[in-house]
Amino acid sequence: IPSYYIKAHAQTIGVADYLYKIRDRYETIIDSNTHLPHLSIRDINEGRYHHYNEVTYNRKEAEAISKRSGVHKLTADIQDILSTFYFARNNAFSENLNPNQILIFKPFFCDKIFELILQYRGTEMVETKFGEIECYKFSLCERKENKIETLEHMSFWVSRDGNRAPIKVQFEIVVGSFVVELDKYAGVQYPFMFNKSK
């Protein structure tokens, strides 16, 4: 079956790596036509916490089979966390968004249906090692009772171009604030429009 392979890897460096070592890996294989996942891998290593799981998807039976928790009956079009972002990148992150607009997705994550809520914050210029680039900014949200609250400390930026590539992620955890920035890139479909810093 023609497929795409997507991998997300996160690790701490420098002093942060000494204080609270993170080695997280997410992988998914998605159908190149439907963009639905066949296989999801989640390998989490954060300090003393370790978690590994694999989930396979049976589209015919509308099932997700987790190595940790067994069979889950789901809708036939269920996404995982990485394929959800791939779907959003291709279909939701666009000029059609209005500032403060809420986007809600419901992927299968951590062996359950997870409500992923994003708020579009508008556009911003983001400084990178390659120069400034205009980006769409999104913040994560959470639902408290019947109210959606924006998590100001958890935001990410994607390029405002045809690539819609992740440029920056900023979040806070127990030991402090972390920023993930674009370090290198290759094979982009459209040239990045970086404004070189003076």
N, C-alpha and C. Protein backbone atom coordinates (compact mmCIF):
# COMPACT_ATOMS: atom_id res chain seq x y z
N ILE A 1 0.85 -1.19 0.00
CA ILE A 1 0.00 0.00 0.00
C ILE A 1 0.89 1.24 0.00
N PRO A 2 0.73 2.13 -0.97
CA PRO A 2 1.52 3.37 -0.98
C PRO A 2 1.28 4.17 0.30
N SER A 3 2.36 4.55 0.96
CA SER A 3 2.22 5.19 2.27
C SER A 3 3.27 6.29 2.46
N TYR A 4 2.99 7.15 3.44
CA TYR A 4 3.95 8.15 3.89
C TYR A 4 4.41 7.78 5.29
N TYR A 5 5.68 8.07 5.56
CA TYR A 5 6.23 7.84 6.89
C TYR A 5 6.49 9.19 7.54
N ILE A 6 5.94 9.40 8.73
CA ILE A 6 6.12 10.66 9.46
C ILE A 6 6.76 10.35 10.81
N LYS A 7 7.77 11.14 11.15
CA LYS A 7 8.44 10.94 12.44
C LYS A 7 8.64 12.29 13.12
N ALA A 8 8.36 12.33 14.41
CA ALA A 8 8.61 13.52 15.23
C ALA A 8 9.49 13.08 16.39
N HIS A 9 10.57 13.82 16.58
CA HIS A 9 11.53 13.47 17.63
C HIS A 9 11.82 14.71 18.45
N ALA A 10 11.83 14.55 19.76
CA ALA A 10 12.13 15.67 20.65
C ALA A 10 13.16 15.24 21.68
N GLN A 11 14.16 16.09 21.91
CA GLN A 11 15.13 15.81 22.97
C GLN A 11 15.67 17.11 23.54
N THR A 12 16.01 17.04 24.79
CA THR A 12 16.62 18.19 25.44
C THR A 12 18.11 18.23 25.13
N ILE A 13 18.70 19.43 25.24
CA ILE A 13 20.13 19.60 25.05
C ILE A 13 20.66 20.52 26.14
N GLY A 14 21.97 20.56 26.28
CA GLY A 14 22.60 21.49 27.21
C GLY A 14 22.20 21.23 28.67
N VAL A 15 22.00 22.32 29.40
CA VAL A 15 21.66 22.24 30.82
C VAL A 15 20.32 21.53 31.03
N ALA A 16 19.37 21.80 30.15
CA ALA A 16 18.05 21.16 30.27
C ALA A 16 18.17 19.65 30.21
N ASP A 17 19.11 19.16 29.40
CA ASP A 17 19.29 17.71 29.28
C ASP A 17 19.84 17.14 30.59
N TYR A 18 20.61 17.92 31.29
CA TYR A 18 21.14 17.47 32.59
C TYR A 18 20.06 17.48 33.66
N LEU A 19 19.20 18.50 33.63
CA LEU A 19 18.17 18.64 34.65
C LEU A 19 17.01 17.69 34.45
N TYR A 20 16.60 17.52 33.19
CA TYR A 20 15.40 16.71 32.92
C TYR A 20 15.50 16.18 31.49
N LYS A 21 16.10 15.02 31.36
CA LYS A 21 16.37 14.47 30.03
C LYS A 21 15.09 14.00 29.35
N ILE A 22 14.92 14.46 28.10
CA ILE A 22 13.76 14.06 27.30
C ILE A 22 14.25 13.42 26.00
N ARG A 23 13.70 12.26 25.71
CA ARG A 23 13.94 11.57 24.45
C ARG A 23 12.60 10.98 23.99
N ASP A 24 11.84 11.77 23.28
CA ASP A 24 10.51 11.35 22.84
C ASP A 24 10.51 11.08 21.33
N ARG A 25 9.79 10.06 20.93
CA ARG A 25 9.72 9.71 19.51
C ARG A 25 8.29 9.31 19.15
N TYR A 26 7.76 9.95 18.14
CA TYR A 26 6.45 9.60 17.60
C TYR A 26 6.64 9.23 16.13
N GLU A 27 6.01 8.13 15.72
CA GLU A 27 6.08 7.72 14.32
C GLU A 27 4.70 7.28 13.85
N THR A 28 4.45 7.51 12.59
CA THR A 28 3.21 7.01 12.00
C THR A 28 3.42 6.70 10.54
N ILE A 29 2.74 5.71 10.08
CA ILE A 29 2.70 5.37 8.65
C ILE A 29 1.27 5.60 8.19
N ILE A 30 1.08 6.52 7.22
CA ILE A 30 -0.26 6.85 6.77
C ILE A 30 -0.44 6.49 5.30
N ASP A 31 -1.64 6.14 4.94
CA ASP A 31 -2.00 5.83 3.56
C ASP A 31 -1.82 7.09 2.72
N SER A 32 -1.12 7.00 1.61
CA SER A 32 -0.85 8.18 0.79
C SER A 32 -2.08 8.72 0.08
N ASN A 33 -3.13 7.93 0.01
CA ASN A 33 -4.37 8.39 -0.63
C ASN A 33 -5.37 8.95 0.39
N THR A 34 -5.62 8.18 1.46
CA THR A 34 -6.61 8.60 2.45
C THR A 34 -6.02 9.47 3.55
N HIS A 35 -4.69 9.39 3.72
CA HIS A 35 -3.98 10.10 4.80
C HIS A 35 -4.41 9.61 6.19
N LEU A 36 -4.90 8.38 6.25
CA LEU A 36 -5.25 7.76 7.52
C LEU A 36 -4.13 6.83 7.95
N PRO A 37 -3.87 6.73 9.26
CA PRO A 37 -2.73 5.92 9.72
C PRO A 37 -2.98 4.42 9.65
N HIS A 38 -1.91 3.70 9.32
CA HIS A 38 -1.88 2.24 9.41
C HIS A 38 -1.26 1.80 10.74
N LEU A 39 -0.22 2.55 11.15
CA LEU A 39 0.54 2.19 12.34
C LEU A 39 1.00 3.46 13.05
N SER A 40 0.90 3.46 14.38
CA SER A 40 1.39 4.57 15.21
C SER A 40 2.33 4.01 16.27
N ILE A 41 3.44 4.71 16.49
CA ILE A 41 4.39 4.34 17.53
C ILE A 41 4.62 5.54 18.44
N ARG A 42 4.58 5.31 19.73
CA ARG A 42 4.83 6.36 20.71
C ARG A 42 5.86 5.83 21.71
N ASP A 43 7.03 6.48 21.73
CA ASP A 43 8.12 6.06 22.60
C ASP A 43 8.54 7.27 23.43
N ILE A 44 8.16 7.26 24.71
CA ILE A 44 8.35 8.42 25.58
C ILE A 44 9.38 8.10 26.66
N ASN A 45 10.38 8.97 26.77
CA ASN A 45 11.40 8.85 27.82
C ASN A 45 11.64 10.24 28.37
N GLU A 46 11.07 10.52 29.53
CA GLU A 46 11.14 11.84 30.15
C GLU A 46 11.53 11.66 31.61
N GLY A 47 12.79 12.00 31.93
CA GLY A 47 13.27 11.75 33.28
C GLY A 47 13.22 10.26 33.58
N ARG A 48 12.53 9.90 34.65
CA ARG A 48 12.41 8.49 35.01
C ARG A 48 11.17 7.82 34.40
N TYR A 49 10.39 8.61 33.66
CA TYR A 49 9.17 8.07 33.07
C TYR A 49 9.45 7.49 31.69
N HIS A 50 8.99 6.26 31.48
CA HIS A 50 9.18 5.59 30.19
C HIS A 50 7.87 4.96 29.75
N HIS A 51 7.57 5.11 28.49
CA HIS A 51 6.32 4.56 27.96
C HIS A 51 6.53 4.24 26.48
N TYR A 52 6.16 3.02 26.10
CA TYR A 52 6.25 2.61 24.69
C TYR A 52 4.95 1.91 24.30
N ASN A 53 4.47 2.25 23.11
CA ASN A 53 3.26 1.58 22.62
C ASN A 53 3.21 1.64 21.11
N GLU A 54 2.58 0.63 20.53
CA GLU A 54 2.31 0.59 19.10
C GLU A 54 0.81 0.35 18.90
N VAL A 55 0.25 1.06 17.93
CA VAL A 55 -1.16 0.89 17.60
C VAL A 55 -1.29 0.64 16.11
N THR A 56 -1.97 -0.43 15.74
CA THR A 56 -2.28 -0.70 14.33
C THR A 56 -3.76 -0.46 14.11
N TYR A 57 -4.11 -0.11 12.88
CA TYR A 57 -5.49 0.26 12.56
C TYR A 57 -6.07 -0.69 11.51
N ASN A 58 -7.22 -1.24 11.84
CA ASN A 58 -7.96 -2.10 10.91
C ASN A 58 -9.15 -1.30 10.39
N ARG A 59 -9.00 -0.73 9.21
CA ARG A 59 -10.04 0.14 8.67
C ARG A 59 -11.31 -0.62 8.33
N LYS A 60 -11.16 -1.85 7.88
CA LYS A 60 -12.33 -2.65 7.50
C LYS A 60 -13.23 -2.91 8.70
N GLU A 61 -12.61 -3.17 9.84
CA GLU A 61 -13.38 -3.47 11.06
C GLU A 61 -13.56 -2.24 11.95
N ALA A 62 -13.01 -1.10 11.53
CA ALA A 62 -13.08 0.14 12.32
C ALA A 62 -12.53 -0.09 13.73
N GLU A 63 -11.28 -0.59 13.78
CA GLU A 63 -10.66 -0.91 15.05
C GLU A 63 -9.25 -0.33 15.12
N ALA A 64 -8.84 -0.02 16.34
CA ALA A 64 -7.45 0.27 16.65
C ALA A 64 -6.98 -0.79 17.63
N ILE A 65 -5.83 -1.41 17.32
CA ILE A 65 -5.32 -2.48 18.17
C ILE A 65 -4.06 -1.99 18.86
N SER A 66 -4.16 -1.77 20.17
CA SER A 66 -3.05 -1.27 20.97
C SER A 66 -2.32 -2.43 21.62
N LYS A 67 -0.99 -2.39 21.58
CA LYS A 67 -0.21 -3.43 22.25
C LYS A 67 -0.40 -3.38 23.75
N ARG A 68 -0.76 -2.23 24.27
CA ARG A 68 -0.91 -2.07 25.72
C ARG A 68 -2.33 -2.37 26.20
N SER A 69 -3.33 -1.99 25.42
CA SER A 69 -4.69 -2.08 25.96
C SER A 69 -5.67 -2.87 25.08
N GLY A 70 -5.18 -3.45 23.99
CA GLY A 70 -6.05 -4.31 23.19
C GLY A 70 -6.84 -3.57 22.12
N VAL A 71 -8.01 -4.10 21.82
CA VAL A 71 -8.82 -3.63 20.69
C VAL A 71 -9.77 -2.52 21.13
N HIS A 72 -9.83 -1.46 20.31
CA HIS A 72 -10.74 -0.35 20.56
C HIS A 72 -11.60 -0.16 19.31
N LYS A 73 -12.92 -0.16 19.50
CA LYS A 73 -13.84 0.10 18.40
C LYS A 73 -13.93 1.61 18.16
N LEU A 74 -13.68 2.03 16.93
CA LEU A 74 -13.63 3.44 16.60
C LEU A 74 -14.32 3.67 15.26
N THR A 75 -14.38 4.92 14.85
CA THR A 75 -14.88 5.20 13.51
C THR A 75 -13.81 4.82 12.49
N ALA A 76 -14.24 4.52 11.28
CA ALA A 76 -13.31 4.05 10.25
C ALA A 76 -12.33 5.13 9.81
N ASP A 77 -12.65 6.39 10.07
CA ASP A 77 -11.78 7.49 9.62
C ASP A 77 -10.96 8.09 10.77
N ILE A 78 -10.74 7.34 11.84
CA ILE A 78 -10.01 7.87 12.99
C ILE A 78 -8.57 8.20 12.62
N GLN A 79 -8.06 9.29 13.17
CA GLN A 79 -6.68 9.68 12.96
C GLN A 79 -5.87 9.40 14.23
N ASP A 80 -4.52 9.43 14.10
CA ASP A 80 -3.67 9.47 15.28
C ASP A 80 -3.16 10.90 15.43
N ILE A 81 -2.27 11.13 16.39
CA ILE A 81 -1.88 12.51 16.69
C ILE A 81 -1.06 13.13 15.56
N LEU A 82 -0.13 12.36 14.97
CA LEU A 82 0.68 12.92 13.88
C LEU A 82 -0.12 13.10 12.61
N SER A 83 -0.95 12.12 12.28
CA SER A 83 -1.75 12.26 11.05
C SER A 83 -2.77 13.38 11.19
N THR A 84 -3.19 13.69 12.42
CA THR A 84 -4.09 14.81 12.65
C THR A 84 -3.41 16.13 12.27
N PHE A 85 -2.16 16.29 12.68
CA PHE A 85 -1.43 17.51 12.33
C PHE A 85 -1.16 17.56 10.82
N TYR A 86 -0.92 16.41 10.23
CA TYR A 86 -0.73 16.37 8.77
C TYR A 86 -2.02 16.78 8.06
N PHE A 87 -3.14 16.27 8.57
CA PHE A 87 -4.44 16.65 8.01
C PHE A 87 -4.69 18.14 8.18
N ALA A 88 -4.43 18.66 9.38
CA ALA A 88 -4.65 20.08 9.65
C ALA A 88 -3.76 20.94 8.76
N ARG A 89 -2.51 20.53 8.60
CA ARG A 89 -1.58 21.26 7.74
C ARG A 89 -2.11 21.37 6.32
N ASN A 90 -2.70 20.31 5.83
CA ASN A 90 -3.17 20.30 4.44
C ASN A 90 -4.56 20.89 4.26
N ASN A 91 -5.36 20.90 5.31
CA ASN A 91 -6.77 21.27 5.15
C ASN A 91 -7.26 22.40 6.04
N ALA A 92 -6.61 22.63 7.17
CA ALA A 92 -7.15 23.61 8.12
C ALA A 92 -6.28 24.85 8.29
N PHE A 93 -4.96 24.69 8.21
CA PHE A 93 -4.07 25.83 8.40
C PHE A 93 -4.02 26.64 7.10
N SER A 94 -4.81 27.70 7.03
CA SER A 94 -4.92 28.43 5.76
C SER A 94 -5.35 29.87 6.00
N GLU A 95 -5.44 30.60 4.91
CA GLU A 95 -5.87 32.00 4.95
C GLU A 95 -7.34 32.14 5.31
N ASN A 96 -8.07 31.03 5.32
CA ASN A 96 -9.50 31.09 5.63
C ASN A 96 -9.78 31.21 7.12
N LEU A 97 -8.76 31.07 7.94
CA LEU A 97 -8.95 31.15 9.39
C LEU A 97 -9.12 32.59 9.84
N ASN A 98 -9.93 32.77 10.87
CA ASN A 98 -10.12 34.07 11.50
C ASN A 98 -9.41 34.09 12.84
N PRO A 99 -8.81 35.23 13.25
CA PRO A 99 -8.15 35.31 14.55
C PRO A 99 -9.05 34.83 15.68
N ASN A 100 -8.49 34.02 16.56
CA ASN A 100 -9.16 33.43 17.72
C ASN A 100 -10.12 32.30 17.36
N GLN A 101 -10.13 31.90 16.11
CA GLN A 101 -10.98 30.77 15.70
C GLN A 101 -10.50 29.48 16.37
N ILE A 102 -11.45 28.66 16.80
CA ILE A 102 -11.16 27.40 17.48
C ILE A 102 -11.25 26.24 16.49
N LEU A 103 -10.26 25.37 16.52
CA LEU A 103 -10.25 24.15 15.71
C LEU A 103 -10.25 22.96 16.65
N ILE A 104 -11.12 22.00 16.40
CA ILE A 104 -11.23 20.83 17.27
C ILE A 104 -11.03 19.57 16.45
N PHE A 105 -10.11 18.72 16.92
CA PHE A 105 -9.85 17.43 16.29
C PHE A 105 -9.96 16.35 17.38
N LYS A 106 -10.27 15.13 16.96
CA LYS A 106 -10.44 14.05 17.94
C LYS A 106 -9.70 12.79 17.49
N PRO A 107 -8.35 12.82 17.61
CA PRO A 107 -7.57 11.64 17.24
C PRO A 107 -7.58 10.57 18.34
N PHE A 108 -7.10 9.39 17.98
CA PHE A 108 -6.88 8.32 18.95
C PHE A 108 -5.47 8.50 19.50
N PHE A 109 -5.37 8.79 20.79
CA PHE A 109 -4.08 9.13 21.40
C PHE A 109 -4.08 8.65 22.84
N CYS A 110 -2.99 8.03 23.26
CA CYS A 110 -2.90 7.48 24.63
C CYS A 110 -4.01 6.46 24.88
N ASP A 111 -4.33 5.68 23.86
CA ASP A 111 -5.33 4.61 23.96
C ASP A 111 -6.74 5.11 24.26
N LYS A 112 -7.05 6.31 23.80
CA LYS A 112 -8.40 6.84 23.95
C LYS A 112 -8.62 7.95 22.93
N ILE A 113 -9.87 8.34 22.77
CA ILE A 113 -10.18 9.50 21.94
C ILE A 113 -9.75 10.74 22.69
N PHE A 114 -8.90 11.51 22.05
CA PHE A 114 -8.32 12.70 22.68
C PHE A 114 -8.83 13.95 21.97
N GLU A 115 -9.34 14.88 22.75
CA GLU A 115 -9.84 16.12 22.15
C GLU A 115 -8.69 17.12 22.04
N LEU A 116 -8.25 17.33 20.82
CA LEU A 116 -7.18 18.29 20.54
C LEU A 116 -7.82 19.60 20.10
N ILE A 117 -7.64 20.63 20.90
CA ILE A 117 -8.26 21.93 20.63
C ILE A 117 -7.17 22.95 20.38
N LEU A 118 -7.26 23.63 19.25
CA LEU A 118 -6.30 24.67 18.88
C LEU A 118 -7.02 25.99 18.68
N GLN A 119 -6.35 27.06 19.02
CA GLN A 119 -6.87 28.39 18.74
C GLN A 119 -5.91 29.10 17.80
N TYR A 120 -6.45 29.61 16.69
CA TYR A 120 -5.64 30.38 15.75
C TYR A 120 -5.46 31.78 16.30
N ARG A 121 -4.20 32.22 16.44
CA ARG A 121 -3.91 33.50 17.08
C ARG A 121 -3.57 34.61 16.08
N GLY A 122 -3.52 34.28 14.80
CA GLY A 122 -3.16 35.28 13.80
C GLY A 122 -1.77 34.98 13.25
N THR A 123 -1.17 35.98 12.62
CA THR A 123 0.15 35.81 12.02
C THR A 123 1.21 36.60 12.79
N GLU A 124 2.42 36.08 12.79
CA GLU A 124 3.55 36.74 13.45
C GLU A 124 4.81 36.49 12.65
N MET A 125 5.75 37.41 12.76
CA MET A 125 7.08 37.20 12.21
C MET A 125 7.90 36.46 13.27
N VAL A 126 8.52 35.38 12.87
CA VAL A 126 9.30 34.55 13.79
C VAL A 126 10.76 34.57 13.36
N GLU A 127 11.62 34.86 14.31
CA GLU A 127 13.06 34.89 14.06
C GLU A 127 13.64 33.48 14.10
N THR A 128 14.42 33.11 13.09
CA THR A 128 15.10 31.82 13.05
C THR A 128 16.56 32.05 12.68
N LYS A 129 17.35 31.00 12.70
CA LYS A 129 18.75 31.11 12.31
C LYS A 129 18.91 31.44 10.83
N PHE A 130 17.83 31.28 10.08
CA PHE A 130 17.87 31.55 8.64
C PHE A 130 17.32 32.94 8.30
N GLY A 131 16.78 33.63 9.30
CA GLY A 131 16.15 34.93 9.11
C GLY A 131 14.72 34.90 9.61
N GLU A 132 14.02 36.01 9.46
CA GLU A 132 12.62 36.07 9.88
C GLU A 132 11.71 35.46 8.83
N ILE A 133 10.62 34.87 9.30
CA ILE A 133 9.63 34.30 8.39
C ILE A 133 8.25 34.50 8.96
N GLU A 134 7.30 34.81 8.11
CA GLU A 134 5.92 35.02 8.57
C GLU A 134 5.26 33.67 8.83
N CYS A 135 4.56 33.60 9.96
CA CYS A 135 3.97 32.33 10.38
C CYS A 135 2.54 32.50 10.87
N TYR A 136 1.79 31.41 10.79
CA TYR A 136 0.53 31.30 11.51
C TYR A 136 0.87 30.86 12.93
N LYS A 137 0.21 31.47 13.91
CA LYS A 137 0.43 31.07 15.29
C LYS A 137 -0.82 30.36 15.83
N PHE A 138 -0.59 29.26 16.53
CA PHE A 138 -1.66 28.50 17.17
C PHE A 138 -1.29 28.24 18.62
N SER A 139 -2.29 28.25 19.48
CA SER A 139 -2.11 27.87 20.88
C SER A 139 -3.00 26.69 21.21
N LEU A 140 -2.51 25.82 22.09
CA LEU A 140 -3.33 24.72 22.55
C LEU A 140 -4.37 25.23 23.54
N CYS A 141 -5.48 24.54 23.60
CA CYS A 141 -6.56 24.89 24.53
C CYS A 141 -6.98 23.65 25.30
N GLU A 142 -7.70 23.87 26.37
CA GLU A 142 -8.31 22.77 27.10
C GLU A 142 -9.74 23.12 27.47
N ARG A 143 -10.55 22.10 27.59
CA ARG A 143 -11.94 22.31 27.94
C ARG A 143 -12.12 22.11 29.44
N LYS A 144 -12.66 23.13 30.10
CA LYS A 144 -12.98 23.05 31.51
C LYS A 144 -14.47 23.23 31.65
N GLU A 145 -15.14 22.13 32.03
CA GLU A 145 -16.60 22.07 32.04
C GLU A 145 -17.08 22.41 30.63
N ASN A 146 -17.81 23.48 30.45
CA ASN A 146 -18.31 23.82 29.11
C ASN A 146 -17.57 25.00 28.49
N LYS A 147 -16.42 25.31 29.07
CA LYS A 147 -15.66 26.47 28.60
C LYS A 147 -14.32 26.04 28.04
N ILE A 148 -13.92 26.64 26.92
CA ILE A 148 -12.61 26.37 26.33
C ILE A 148 -11.65 27.47 26.74
N GLU A 149 -10.53 27.07 27.35
CA GLU A 149 -9.54 28.03 27.81
C GLU A 149 -8.24 27.86 27.03
N THR A 150 -7.66 28.98 26.64
CA THR A 150 -6.41 28.96 25.89
C THR A 150 -5.23 28.77 26.82
N LEU A 151 -4.32 27.88 26.44
CA LEU A 151 -3.10 27.65 27.20
C LEU A 151 -2.01 28.53 26.58
N GLU A 152 -1.83 29.70 27.14
CA GLU A 152 -0.91 30.68 26.58
C GLU A 152 0.53 30.15 26.53
N HIS A 153 0.85 29.24 27.44
CA HIS A 153 2.23 28.75 27.54
C HIS A 153 2.51 27.59 26.60
N MET A 154 1.55 27.22 25.75
CA MET A 154 1.77 26.12 24.80
C MET A 154 1.34 26.58 23.42
N SER A 155 2.30 27.00 22.62
CA SER A 155 2.00 27.55 21.30
C SER A 155 2.96 27.00 20.26
N PHE A 156 2.55 27.07 19.00
CA PHE A 156 3.44 26.68 17.90
C PHE A 156 3.15 27.56 16.69
N TRP A 157 4.15 27.66 15.83
CA TRP A 157 4.08 28.50 14.65
C TRP A 157 4.40 27.67 13.41
N VAL A 158 3.59 27.83 12.35
CA VAL A 158 3.86 27.16 11.08
C VAL A 158 3.99 28.23 10.00
N SER A 159 4.82 27.97 9.03
CA SER A 159 5.12 28.97 8.00
C SER A 159 3.87 29.32 7.20
N ARG A 160 3.74 30.62 6.93
CA ARG A 160 2.60 31.11 6.15
C ARG A 160 2.96 31.06 4.66
N ASP A 161 3.03 29.84 4.16
CA ASP A 161 3.36 29.60 2.76
C ASP A 161 2.81 28.24 2.38
N GLY A 162 3.16 27.78 1.20
CA GLY A 162 2.65 26.49 0.75
C GLY A 162 3.17 25.31 1.54
N ASN A 163 4.32 25.49 2.21
CA ASN A 163 4.87 24.39 3.00
C ASN A 163 4.11 24.16 4.29
N ARG A 164 3.64 25.26 4.91
CA ARG A 164 3.00 25.20 6.22
C ARG A 164 3.81 24.29 7.16
N ALA A 165 5.10 24.59 7.20
CA ALA A 165 6.05 23.77 7.97
C ALA A 165 6.17 24.29 9.40
N PRO A 166 6.37 23.41 10.37
CA PRO A 166 6.57 23.85 11.75
C PRO A 166 7.88 24.63 11.87
N ILE A 167 7.80 25.83 12.43
CA ILE A 167 8.97 26.69 12.55
C ILE A 167 9.43 26.81 14.01
N LYS A 168 8.45 26.86 14.92
CA LYS A 168 8.79 27.06 16.33
C LYS A 168 7.70 26.46 17.21
N VAL A 169 8.13 25.91 18.34
CA VAL A 169 7.21 25.41 19.37
C VAL A 169 7.69 25.94 20.70
N GLN A 170 6.78 26.42 21.51
CA GLN A 170 7.14 26.94 22.83
C GLN A 170 6.18 26.37 23.87
N PHE A 171 6.74 25.83 24.94
CA PHE A 171 5.88 25.26 25.98
C PHE A 171 6.60 25.28 27.31
N GLU A 172 5.83 25.13 28.35
CA GLU A 172 6.38 25.10 29.71
C GLU A 172 6.06 23.76 30.35
N ILE A 173 7.03 23.23 31.07
CA ILE A 173 6.81 22.02 31.86
C ILE A 173 7.26 22.32 33.28
N VAL A 174 7.30 21.30 34.11
CA VAL A 174 7.55 21.50 35.53
C VAL A 174 8.88 22.21 35.79
N VAL A 175 9.91 21.86 35.01
CA VAL A 175 11.24 22.39 35.31
C VAL A 175 11.55 23.70 34.58
N GLY A 176 10.61 24.19 33.77
CA GLY A 176 10.88 25.46 33.10
C GLY A 176 10.25 25.55 31.73
N SER A 177 10.75 26.48 30.95
CA SER A 177 10.21 26.75 29.62
C SER A 177 11.13 26.19 28.55
N PHE A 178 10.54 25.61 27.52
CA PHE A 178 11.31 25.04 26.43
C PHE A 178 10.87 25.66 25.11
N VAL A 179 11.85 25.90 24.25
CA VAL A 179 11.57 26.42 22.92
C VAL A 179 12.23 25.49 21.90
N VAL A 180 11.44 25.05 20.93
CA VAL A 180 11.94 24.21 19.84
C VAL A 180 11.91 25.06 18.58
N GLU A 181 13.06 25.16 17.89
CA GLU A 181 13.15 26.02 16.72
C GLU A 181 13.68 25.25 15.52
N LEU A 182 13.32 25.74 14.34
CA LEU A 182 13.79 25.13 13.11
C LEU A 182 15.31 25.19 13.05
N ASP A 183 15.96 24.03 12.90
CA ASP A 183 17.41 23.96 12.89
C ASP A 183 17.95 23.67 11.49
N LYS A 184 17.24 22.86 10.74
CA LYS A 184 17.64 22.55 9.37
C LYS A 184 16.41 22.07 8.60
N TYR A 185 16.52 22.13 7.30
CA TYR A 185 15.41 21.67 6.46
C TYR A 185 15.95 21.23 5.11
N ALA A 186 15.19 20.39 4.42
CA ALA A 186 15.57 19.92 3.09
C ALA A 186 14.33 19.41 2.38
N GLY A 187 14.33 19.51 1.08
CA GLY A 187 13.26 18.92 0.28
C GLY A 187 11.92 19.60 0.40
N VAL A 188 11.88 20.89 0.78
CA VAL A 188 10.59 21.57 0.87
C VAL A 188 10.03 21.80 -0.53
N GLN A 189 8.70 21.79 -0.62
CA GLN A 189 8.06 21.93 -1.93
C GLN A 189 8.16 23.34 -2.48
N TYR A 190 8.10 24.32 -1.56
CA TYR A 190 8.16 25.73 -1.96
C TYR A 190 9.33 26.41 -1.24
N PRO A 191 10.03 27.33 -1.89
CA PRO A 191 11.14 28.02 -1.21
C PRO A 191 10.63 28.82 -0.01
N PHE A 192 11.33 28.73 1.11
CA PHE A 192 11.00 29.55 2.27
C PHE A 192 11.35 31.00 1.97
N MET A 193 10.49 31.90 2.42
CA MET A 193 10.70 33.34 2.19
C MET A 193 11.27 33.97 3.46
N PHE A 194 12.53 33.67 3.76
CA PHE A 194 13.17 34.24 4.94
C PHE A 194 13.65 35.66 4.65
N ASN A 195 13.40 36.56 5.60
CA ASN A 195 13.98 37.90 5.54
C ASN A 195 15.25 37.87 6.37
N LYS A 196 16.36 38.09 5.72
CA LYS A 196 17.65 38.00 6.41
C LYS A 196 17.76 39.11 7.45
N SER A 197 18.21 38.75 8.64
CA SER A 197 18.38 39.72 9.70
C SER A 197 19.56 40.64 9.37
N LYS A 198 19.46 41.88 9.85
CA LYS A 198 20.54 42.83 9.62
C LYS A 198 21.67 42.57 10.62
